[in-house]
Amino acid sequence: CTAFWLITDLPLPGLIGGLMAAQAGLLGSRR
């Protein structure tokens, strides 16, 4: 998410939302 933020200059709330969504997705697909 930090690399994506540095490349795209996404606002910080979008970064935090993306981080939470990605983490929820990772935990939801937990093997």
PDB file of all heavy atoms in Angstrom:
ATOM      1  N   CYS A   1       0.824  -1.212   0.000  1.00  0.00           N
ATOM      2  CA  CYS A   1       0.000   0.000   0.000  1.00  0.00           C
ATOM      3  C   CYS A   1       0.861   1.267   0.000  1.00  0.00           C
ATOM      4  O   CYS A   1       0.525   2.247  -0.662  1.00  0.00           O
ATOM      5  CB  CYS A   1      -0.947  -0.002   1.195  1.00  0.00           C
ATOM      6  SG  CYS A   1      -2.325  -1.136   0.978  1.00  0.00           S
ATOM      7  N   THR A   2       1.968   1.265   0.707  1.00  0.00           N
ATOM      8  CA  THR A   2       2.866   2.422   0.724  1.00  0.00           C
ATOM      9  C   THR A   2       3.480   2.634  -0.654  1.00  0.00           C
ATOM     10  O   THR A   2       3.558   3.769  -1.133  1.00  0.00           O
ATOM     11  CB  THR A   2       3.971   2.233   1.782  1.00  0.00           C
ATOM     12  OG1 THR A   2       3.361   2.023   3.046  1.00  0.00           O
ATOM     13  CG2 THR A   2       4.884   3.435   1.834  1.00  0.00           C
ATOM     14  N   ALA A   3       3.906   1.548  -1.289  1.00  0.00           N
ATOM     15  CA  ALA A   3       4.475   1.677  -2.635  1.00  0.00           C
ATOM     16  C   ALA A   3       3.418   2.198  -3.601  1.00  0.00           C
ATOM     17  O   ALA A   3       3.705   3.068  -4.433  1.00  0.00           O
ATOM     18  CB  ALA A   3       5.004   0.326  -3.100  1.00  0.00           C
ATOM     19  N   PHE A   4       2.211   1.697  -3.482  1.00  0.00           N
ATOM     20  CA  PHE A   4       1.118   2.160  -4.345  1.00  0.00           C
ATOM     21  C   PHE A   4       0.832   3.639  -4.093  1.00  0.00           C
ATOM     22  O   PHE A   4       0.611   4.407  -5.025  1.00  0.00           O
ATOM     23  CB  PHE A   4      -0.132   1.319  -4.087  1.00  0.00           C
ATOM     24  CG  PHE A   4      -1.265   1.620  -5.007  1.00  0.00           C
ATOM     25  CD1 PHE A   4      -1.214   1.229  -6.342  1.00  0.00           C
ATOM     26  CD2 PHE A   4      -2.374   2.303  -4.561  1.00  0.00           C
ATOM     27  CE1 PHE A   4      -2.254   1.511  -7.203  1.00  0.00           C
ATOM     28  CE2 PHE A   4      -3.424   2.596  -5.407  1.00  0.00           C
ATOM     29  CZ  PHE A   4      -3.361   2.201  -6.737  1.00  0.00           C
ATOM     30  N   TRP A   5       0.883   4.048  -2.830  1.00  0.00           N
ATOM     31  CA  TRP A   5       0.640   5.448  -2.465  1.00  0.00           C
ATOM     32  C   TRP A   5       1.726   6.356  -3.038  1.00  0.00           C
ATOM     33  O   TRP A   5       1.458   7.438  -3.549  1.00  0.00           O
ATOM     34  CB  TRP A   5       0.564   5.575  -0.951  1.00  0.00           C
ATOM     35  CG  TRP A   5       0.416   6.980  -0.465  1.00  0.00           C
ATOM     36  CD1 TRP A   5      -0.650   7.809  -0.668  1.00  0.00           C
ATOM     37  CD2 TRP A   5       1.356   7.722   0.290  1.00  0.00           C
ATOM     38  NE1 TRP A   5      -0.433   9.025  -0.065  1.00  0.00           N
ATOM     39  CE2 TRP A   5       0.808   8.988   0.538  1.00  0.00           C
ATOM     40  CE3 TRP A   5       2.617   7.447   0.791  1.00  0.00           C
ATOM     41  CZ2 TRP A   5       1.474   9.968   1.260  1.00  0.00           C
ATOM     42  CZ3 TRP A   5       3.277   8.409   1.511  1.00  0.00           C
ATOM     43  CH2 TRP A   5       2.713   9.662   1.737  1.00  0.00           C
ATOM     44  N   LEU A   6       2.986   5.919  -2.970  1.00  0.00           N
ATOM     45  CA  LEU A   6       4.090   6.715  -3.506  1.00  0.00           C
ATOM     46  C   LEU A   6       4.000   6.852  -5.017  1.00  0.00           C
ATOM     47  O   LEU A   6       4.334   7.889  -5.580  1.00  0.00           O
ATOM     48  CB  LEU A   6       5.425   6.093  -3.109  1.00  0.00           C
ATOM     49  CG  LEU A   6       5.787   6.209  -1.628  1.00  0.00           C
ATOM     50  CD1 LEU A   6       7.041   5.405  -1.327  1.00  0.00           C
ATOM     51  CD2 LEU A   6       5.959   7.661  -1.228  1.00  0.00           C
ATOM     52  N   ILE A   7       3.540   5.798  -5.685  1.00  0.00           N
ATOM     53  CA  ILE A   7       3.465   5.825  -7.140  1.00  0.00           C
ATOM     54  C   ILE A   7       2.266   6.650  -7.618  1.00  0.00           C
ATOM     55  O   ILE A   7       2.382   7.445  -8.541  1.00  0.00           O
ATOM     56  CB  ILE A   7       3.384   4.389  -7.698  1.00  0.00           C
ATOM     57  CG1 ILE A   7       4.708   3.671  -7.453  1.00  0.00           C
ATOM     58  CG2 ILE A   7       3.048   4.376  -9.180  1.00  0.00           C
ATOM     59  CD1 ILE A   7       4.666   2.191  -7.737  1.00  0.00           C
ATOM     60  N   THR A   8       1.117   6.467  -6.976  1.00  0.00           N
ATOM     61  CA  THR A   8      -0.107   7.093  -7.477  1.00  0.00           C
ATOM     62  C   THR A   8      -0.470   8.383  -6.755  1.00  0.00           C
ATOM     63  O   THR A   8      -1.365   9.083  -7.191  1.00  0.00           O
ATOM     64  CB  THR A   8      -1.294   6.129  -7.338  1.00  0.00           C
ATOM     65  OG1 THR A   8      -1.498   5.841  -5.960  1.00  0.00           O
ATOM     66  CG2 THR A   8      -1.049   4.862  -8.124  1.00  0.00           C
ATOM     67  N   ASP A   9       0.176   8.680  -5.635  1.00  0.00           N
ATOM     68  CA  ASP A   9      -0.134   9.864  -4.837  1.00  0.00           C
ATOM     69  C   ASP A   9      -1.594   9.870  -4.368  1.00  0.00           C
ATOM     70  O   ASP A   9      -2.274  10.881  -4.372  1.00  0.00           O
ATOM     71  CB  ASP A   9       0.186  11.136  -5.624  1.00  0.00           C
ATOM     72  CG  ASP A   9       0.466  12.311  -4.694  1.00  0.00           C
ATOM     73  OD1 ASP A   9       0.863  12.053  -3.537  1.00  0.00           O
ATOM     74  OD2 ASP A   9       0.292  13.454  -5.125  1.00  0.00           O
ATOM     75  N   LEU A  10      -2.072   8.692  -3.973  1.00  0.00           N
ATOM     76  CA  LEU A  10      -3.434   8.511  -3.462  1.00  0.00           C
ATOM     77  C   LEU A  10      -3.553   9.197  -2.102  1.00  0.00           C
ATOM     78  O   LEU A  10      -2.605   9.194  -1.318  1.00  0.00           O
ATOM     79  CB  LEU A  10      -3.709   7.005  -3.303  1.00  0.00           C
ATOM     80  CG  LEU A  10      -5.136   6.555  -3.125  1.00  0.00           C
ATOM     81  CD1 LEU A  10      -5.872   6.697  -4.454  1.00  0.00           C
ATOM     82  CD2 LEU A  10      -5.173   5.109  -2.687  1.00  0.00           C
ATOM     83  N   PRO A  11      -4.689   9.808  -1.769  1.00  0.00           N
ATOM     84  CA  PRO A  11      -4.830  10.442  -0.458  1.00  0.00           C
ATOM     85  C   PRO A  11      -4.762   9.406   0.676  1.00  0.00           C
ATOM     86  O   PRO A  11      -5.096   8.241   0.496  1.00  0.00           O
ATOM     87  CB  PRO A  11      -6.198  11.115  -0.510  1.00  0.00           C
ATOM     88  CG  PRO A  11      -6.883  10.574  -1.695  1.00  0.00           C
ATOM     89  CD  PRO A  11      -5.865   9.970  -2.595  1.00  0.00           C
ATOM     90  N   LEU A  12      -4.325   9.856   1.825  1.00  0.00           N
ATOM     91  CA  LEU A  12      -4.117   8.960   2.965  1.00  0.00           C
ATOM     92  C   LEU A  12      -5.370   8.197   3.388  1.00  0.00           C
ATOM     93  O   LEU A  12      -5.271   7.002   3.663  1.00  0.00           O
ATOM     94  CB  LEU A  12      -3.543   9.744   4.151  1.00  0.00           C
ATOM     95  CG  LEU A  12      -3.003   8.904   5.297  1.00  0.00           C
ATOM     96  CD1 LEU A  12      -1.924   7.957   4.807  1.00  0.00           C
ATOM     97  CD2 LEU A  12      -2.467   9.789   6.394  1.00  0.00           C
ATOM     98  N   PRO A  13      -6.590   8.799   3.430  1.00  0.00           N
ATOM     99  CA  PRO A  13      -7.775   7.996   3.786  1.00  0.00           C
ATOM    100  C   PRO A  13      -8.007   6.849   2.806  1.00  0.00           C
ATOM    101  O   PRO A  13      -8.411   5.759   3.204  1.00  0.00           O
ATOM    102  CB  PRO A  13      -8.926   9.000   3.732  1.00  0.00           C
ATOM    103  CG  PRO A  13      -8.297  10.316   3.983  1.00  0.00           C
ATOM    104  CD  PRO A  13      -6.927  10.232   3.366  1.00  0.00           C
ATOM    105  N   GLY A  14      -7.713   7.074   1.527  1.00  0.00           N
ATOM    106  CA  GLY A  14      -7.844   5.995   0.551  1.00  0.00           C
ATOM    107  C   GLY A  14      -6.843   4.884   0.814  1.00  0.00           C
ATOM    108  O   GLY A  14      -7.140   3.704   0.667  1.00  0.00           O
ATOM    109  N   LEU A  15      -5.641   5.286   1.236  1.00  0.00           N
ATOM    110  CA  LEU A  15      -4.612   4.299   1.559  1.00  0.00           C
ATOM    111  C   LEU A  15      -5.029   3.458   2.758  1.00  0.00           C
ATOM    112  O   LEU A  15      -4.908   2.227   2.742  1.00  0.00           O
ATOM    113  CB  LEU A  15      -3.284   4.996   1.848  1.00  0.00           C
ATOM    114  CG  LEU A  15      -2.151   4.096   2.325  1.00  0.00           C
ATOM    115  CD1 LEU A  15      -1.727   3.169   1.201  1.00  0.00           C
ATOM    116  CD2 LEU A  15      -1.002   4.914   2.825  1.00  0.00           C
ATOM    117  N   ILE A  16      -5.534   4.104   3.795  1.00  0.00           N
ATOM    118  CA  ILE A  16      -5.959   3.373   4.992  1.00  0.00           C
ATOM    119  C   ILE A  16      -7.128   2.446   4.664  1.00  0.00           C
ATOM    120  O   ILE A  16      -7.158   1.294   5.078  1.00  0.00           O
ATOM    121  CB  ILE A  16      -6.319   4.351   6.119  1.00  0.00           C
ATOM    122  CG1 ILE A  16      -5.050   5.069   6.585  1.00  0.00           C
ATOM    123  CG2 ILE A  16      -6.984   3.620   7.293  1.00  0.00           C
ATOM    124  CD1 ILE A  16      -5.289   6.185   7.553  1.00  0.00           C
ATOM    125  N   GLY A  17      -8.089   2.934   3.874  1.00  0.00           N
ATOM    126  CA  GLY A  17      -9.214   2.092   3.462  1.00  0.00           C
ATOM    127  C   GLY A  17      -8.753   0.906   2.639  1.00  0.00           C
ATOM    128  O   GLY A  17      -9.224  -0.214   2.821  1.00  0.00           O
ATOM    129  N   GLY A  18      -7.825   1.156   1.729  1.00  0.00           N
ATOM    130  CA  GLY A  18      -7.274   0.068   0.919  1.00  0.00           C
ATOM    131  C   GLY A  18      -6.527  -0.945   1.759  1.00  0.00           C
ATOM    132  O   GLY A  18      -6.622  -2.150   1.539  1.00  0.00           O
ATOM    133  N   LEU A  19      -5.781  -0.444   2.746  1.00  0.00           N
ATOM    134  CA  LEU A  19      -5.043  -1.329   3.644  1.00  0.00           C
ATOM    135  C   LEU A  19      -5.988  -2.220   4.437  1.00  0.00           C
ATOM    136  O   LEU A  19      -5.777  -3.427   4.545  1.00  0.00           O
ATOM    137  CB  LEU A  19      -4.185  -0.499   4.598  1.00  0.00           C
ATOM    138  CG  LEU A  19      -3.401  -1.238   5.671  1.00  0.00           C
ATOM    139  CD1 LEU A  19      -2.339  -2.095   5.037  1.00  0.00           C
ATOM    140  CD2 LEU A  19      -2.787  -0.257   6.635  1.00  0.00           C
ATOM    141  N   MET A  20      -7.057  -1.627   4.960  1.00  0.00           N
ATOM    142  CA  MET A  20      -8.020  -2.417   5.739  1.00  0.00           C
ATOM    143  C   MET A  20      -8.737  -3.442   4.855  1.00  0.00           C
ATOM    144  O   MET A  20      -8.953  -4.585   5.256  1.00  0.00           O
ATOM    145  CB  MET A  20      -9.016  -1.489   6.423  1.00  0.00           C
ATOM    146  CG  MET A  20      -8.383  -0.659   7.533  1.00  0.00           C
ATOM    147  SD  MET A  20      -9.471   0.592   8.215  1.00  0.00           S
ATOM    148  CE  MET A  20     -10.783  -0.383   8.868  1.00  0.00           C
ATOM    149  N   ALA A  21      -9.100  -3.057   3.636  1.00  0.00           N
ATOM    150  CA  ALA A  21      -9.776  -3.976   2.722  1.00  0.00           C
ATOM    151  C   ALA A  21      -8.852  -5.128   2.314  1.00  0.00           C
ATOM    152  O   ALA A  21      -9.270  -6.289   2.262  1.00  0.00           O
ATOM    153  CB  ALA A  21     -10.273  -3.227   1.490  1.00  0.00           C
ATOM    154  N   ALA A  22      -7.594  -4.787   2.046  1.00  0.00           N
ATOM    155  CA  ALA A  22      -6.643  -5.836   1.662  1.00  0.00           C
ATOM    156  C   ALA A  22      -6.408  -6.810   2.804  1.00  0.00           C
ATOM    157  O   ALA A  22      -6.354  -8.027   2.607  1.00  0.00           O
ATOM    158  CB  ALA A  22      -5.327  -5.199   1.228  1.00  0.00           C
ATOM    159  N   GLN A  23      -6.272  -6.287   4.011  1.00  0.00           N
ATOM    160  CA  GLN A  23      -6.049  -7.155   5.159  1.00  0.00           C
ATOM    161  C   GLN A  23      -7.260  -8.042   5.424  1.00  0.00           C
ATOM    162  O   GLN A  23      -7.125  -9.227   5.728  1.00  0.00           O
ATOM    163  CB  GLN A  23      -5.726  -6.323   6.403  1.00  0.00           C
ATOM    164  CG  GLN A  23      -5.154  -7.120   7.536  1.00  0.00           C
ATOM    165  CD  GLN A  23      -3.851  -7.784   7.141  1.00  0.00           C
ATOM    166  OE1 GLN A  23      -3.023  -7.222   6.444  1.00  0.00           O
ATOM    167  NE2 GLN A  23      -3.672  -9.002   7.568  1.00  0.00           N
ATOM    168  N   ALA A  24      -8.472  -7.475   5.305  1.00  0.00           N
ATOM    169  CA  ALA A  24      -9.685  -8.275   5.492  1.00  0.00           C
ATOM    170  C   ALA A  24      -9.776  -9.366   4.433  1.00  0.00           C
ATOM    171  O   ALA A  24     -10.172 -10.495   4.717  1.00  0.00           O
ATOM    172  CB  ALA A  24     -10.917  -7.373   5.448  1.00  0.00           C
ATOM    173  N   GLY A  25      -9.386  -9.043   3.208  1.00  0.00           N
ATOM    174  CA  GLY A  25      -9.386 -10.043   2.146  1.00  0.00           C
ATOM    175  C   GLY A  25      -8.394 -11.156   2.405  1.00  0.00           C
ATOM    176  O   GLY A  25      -8.671 -12.332   2.172  1.00  0.00           O
ATOM    177  N   LEU A  26      -7.212 -10.788   2.918  1.00  0.00           N
ATOM    178  CA  LEU A  26      -6.211 -11.801   3.225  1.00  0.00           C
ATOM    179  C   LEU A  26      -6.672 -12.721   4.350  1.00  0.00           C
ATOM    180  O   LEU A  26      -6.478 -13.926   4.308  1.00  0.00           O
ATOM    181  CB  LEU A  26      -4.882 -11.142   3.602  1.00  0.00           C
ATOM    182  CG  LEU A  26      -4.089 -10.550   2.447  1.00  0.00           C
ATOM    183  CD1 LEU A  26      -2.908  -9.750   2.985  1.00  0.00           C
ATOM    184  CD2 LEU A  26      -3.611 -11.642   1.520  1.00  0.00           C
ATOM    185  N   LEU A  27      -7.278 -12.130   5.366  1.00  0.00           N
ATOM    186  CA  LEU A  27      -7.754 -12.957   6.476  1.00  0.00           C
ATOM    187  C   LEU A  27      -8.957 -13.800   6.073  1.00  0.00           C
ATOM    188  O   LEU A  27      -9.131 -14.915   6.550  1.00  0.00           O
ATOM    189  CB  LEU A  27      -8.088 -12.090   7.681  1.00  0.00           C
ATOM    190  CG  LEU A  27      -6.895 -11.452   8.368  1.00  0.00           C
ATOM    191  CD1 LEU A  27      -7.364 -10.558   9.510  1.00  0.00           C
ATOM    192  CD2 LEU A  27      -5.930 -12.496   8.880  1.00  0.00           C
ATOM    193  N   GLY A  28      -9.783 -13.267   5.172  1.00  0.00           N
ATOM    194  CA  GLY A  28     -10.949 -14.024   4.729  1.00  0.00           C
ATOM    195  C   GLY A  28     -10.573 -15.225   3.888  1.00  0.00           C
ATOM    196  O   GLY A  28     -11.258 -16.243   3.901  1.00  0.00           O
ATOM    197  N   SER A  29      -9.470 -15.123   3.163  1.00  0.00           N
ATOM    198  CA  SER A  29      -9.039 -16.238   2.326  1.00  0.00           C
ATOM    199  C   SER A  29      -7.974 -17.089   3.016  1.00  0.00           C
ATOM    200  O   SER A  29      -7.226 -17.782   2.364  1.00  0.00           O
ATOM    201  CB  SER A  29      -8.489 -15.705   1.007  1.00  0.00           C
ATOM    202  OG  SER A  29      -7.312 -14.973   1.243  1.00  0.00           O
ATOM    203  N   ARG A  30      -7.931 -17.012   4.313  1.00  0.00           N
ATOM    204  CA  ARG A  30      -6.916 -17.710   5.105  1.00  0.00           C
ATOM    205  C   ARG A  30      -6.971 -19.216   4.862  1.00  0.00           C
ATOM    206  O   ARG A  30      -8.029 -19.827   4.906  1.00  0.00           O
ATOM    207  CB  ARG A  30      -7.190 -17.418   6.578  1.00  0.00           C
ATOM    208  CG  ARG A  30      -6.054 -17.704   7.449  1.00  0.00           C
ATOM    209  CD  ARG A  30      -6.322 -17.107   8.816  1.00  0.00           C
ATOM    210  NE  ARG A  30      -5.566 -17.891   9.755  1.00  0.00           N
ATOM    211  CZ  ARG A  30      -6.080 -18.527  10.760  1.00  0.00           C
ATOM    212  NH1 ARG A  30      -7.347 -18.446  11.013  1.00  0.00           N
ATOM    213  NH2 ARG A  30      -5.312 -19.233  11.551  1.00  0.00           N
ATOM    214  N   ARG A  31      -5.825 -19.789   4.601  1.00  0.00           N
ATOM    215  CA  ARG A  31      -5.746 -21.226   4.344  1.00  0.00           C
ATOM    216  C   ARG A  31      -5.535 -21.967   5.665  1.00  0.00           C
ATOM    217  O   ARG A  31      -4.549 -21.738   6.351  1.00  0.00           O
ATOM    218  CB  ARG A  31      -4.594 -21.523   3.402  1.00  0.00           C
ATOM    219  CG  ARG A  31      -4.738 -20.848   2.076  1.00  0.00           C
ATOM    220  CD  ARG A  31      -3.582 -21.125   1.193  1.00  0.00           C
ATOM    221  NE  ARG A  31      -2.325 -20.868   1.897  1.00  0.00           N
ATOM    222  CZ  ARG A  31      -1.138 -21.086   1.390  1.00  0.00           C
ATOM    223  NH1 ARG A  31      -1.032 -21.546   0.184  1.00  0.00           N
ATOM    224  NH2 ARG A  31      -0.038 -20.841   2.065  1.00  0.00           N
TER     225      ARG A  31
END
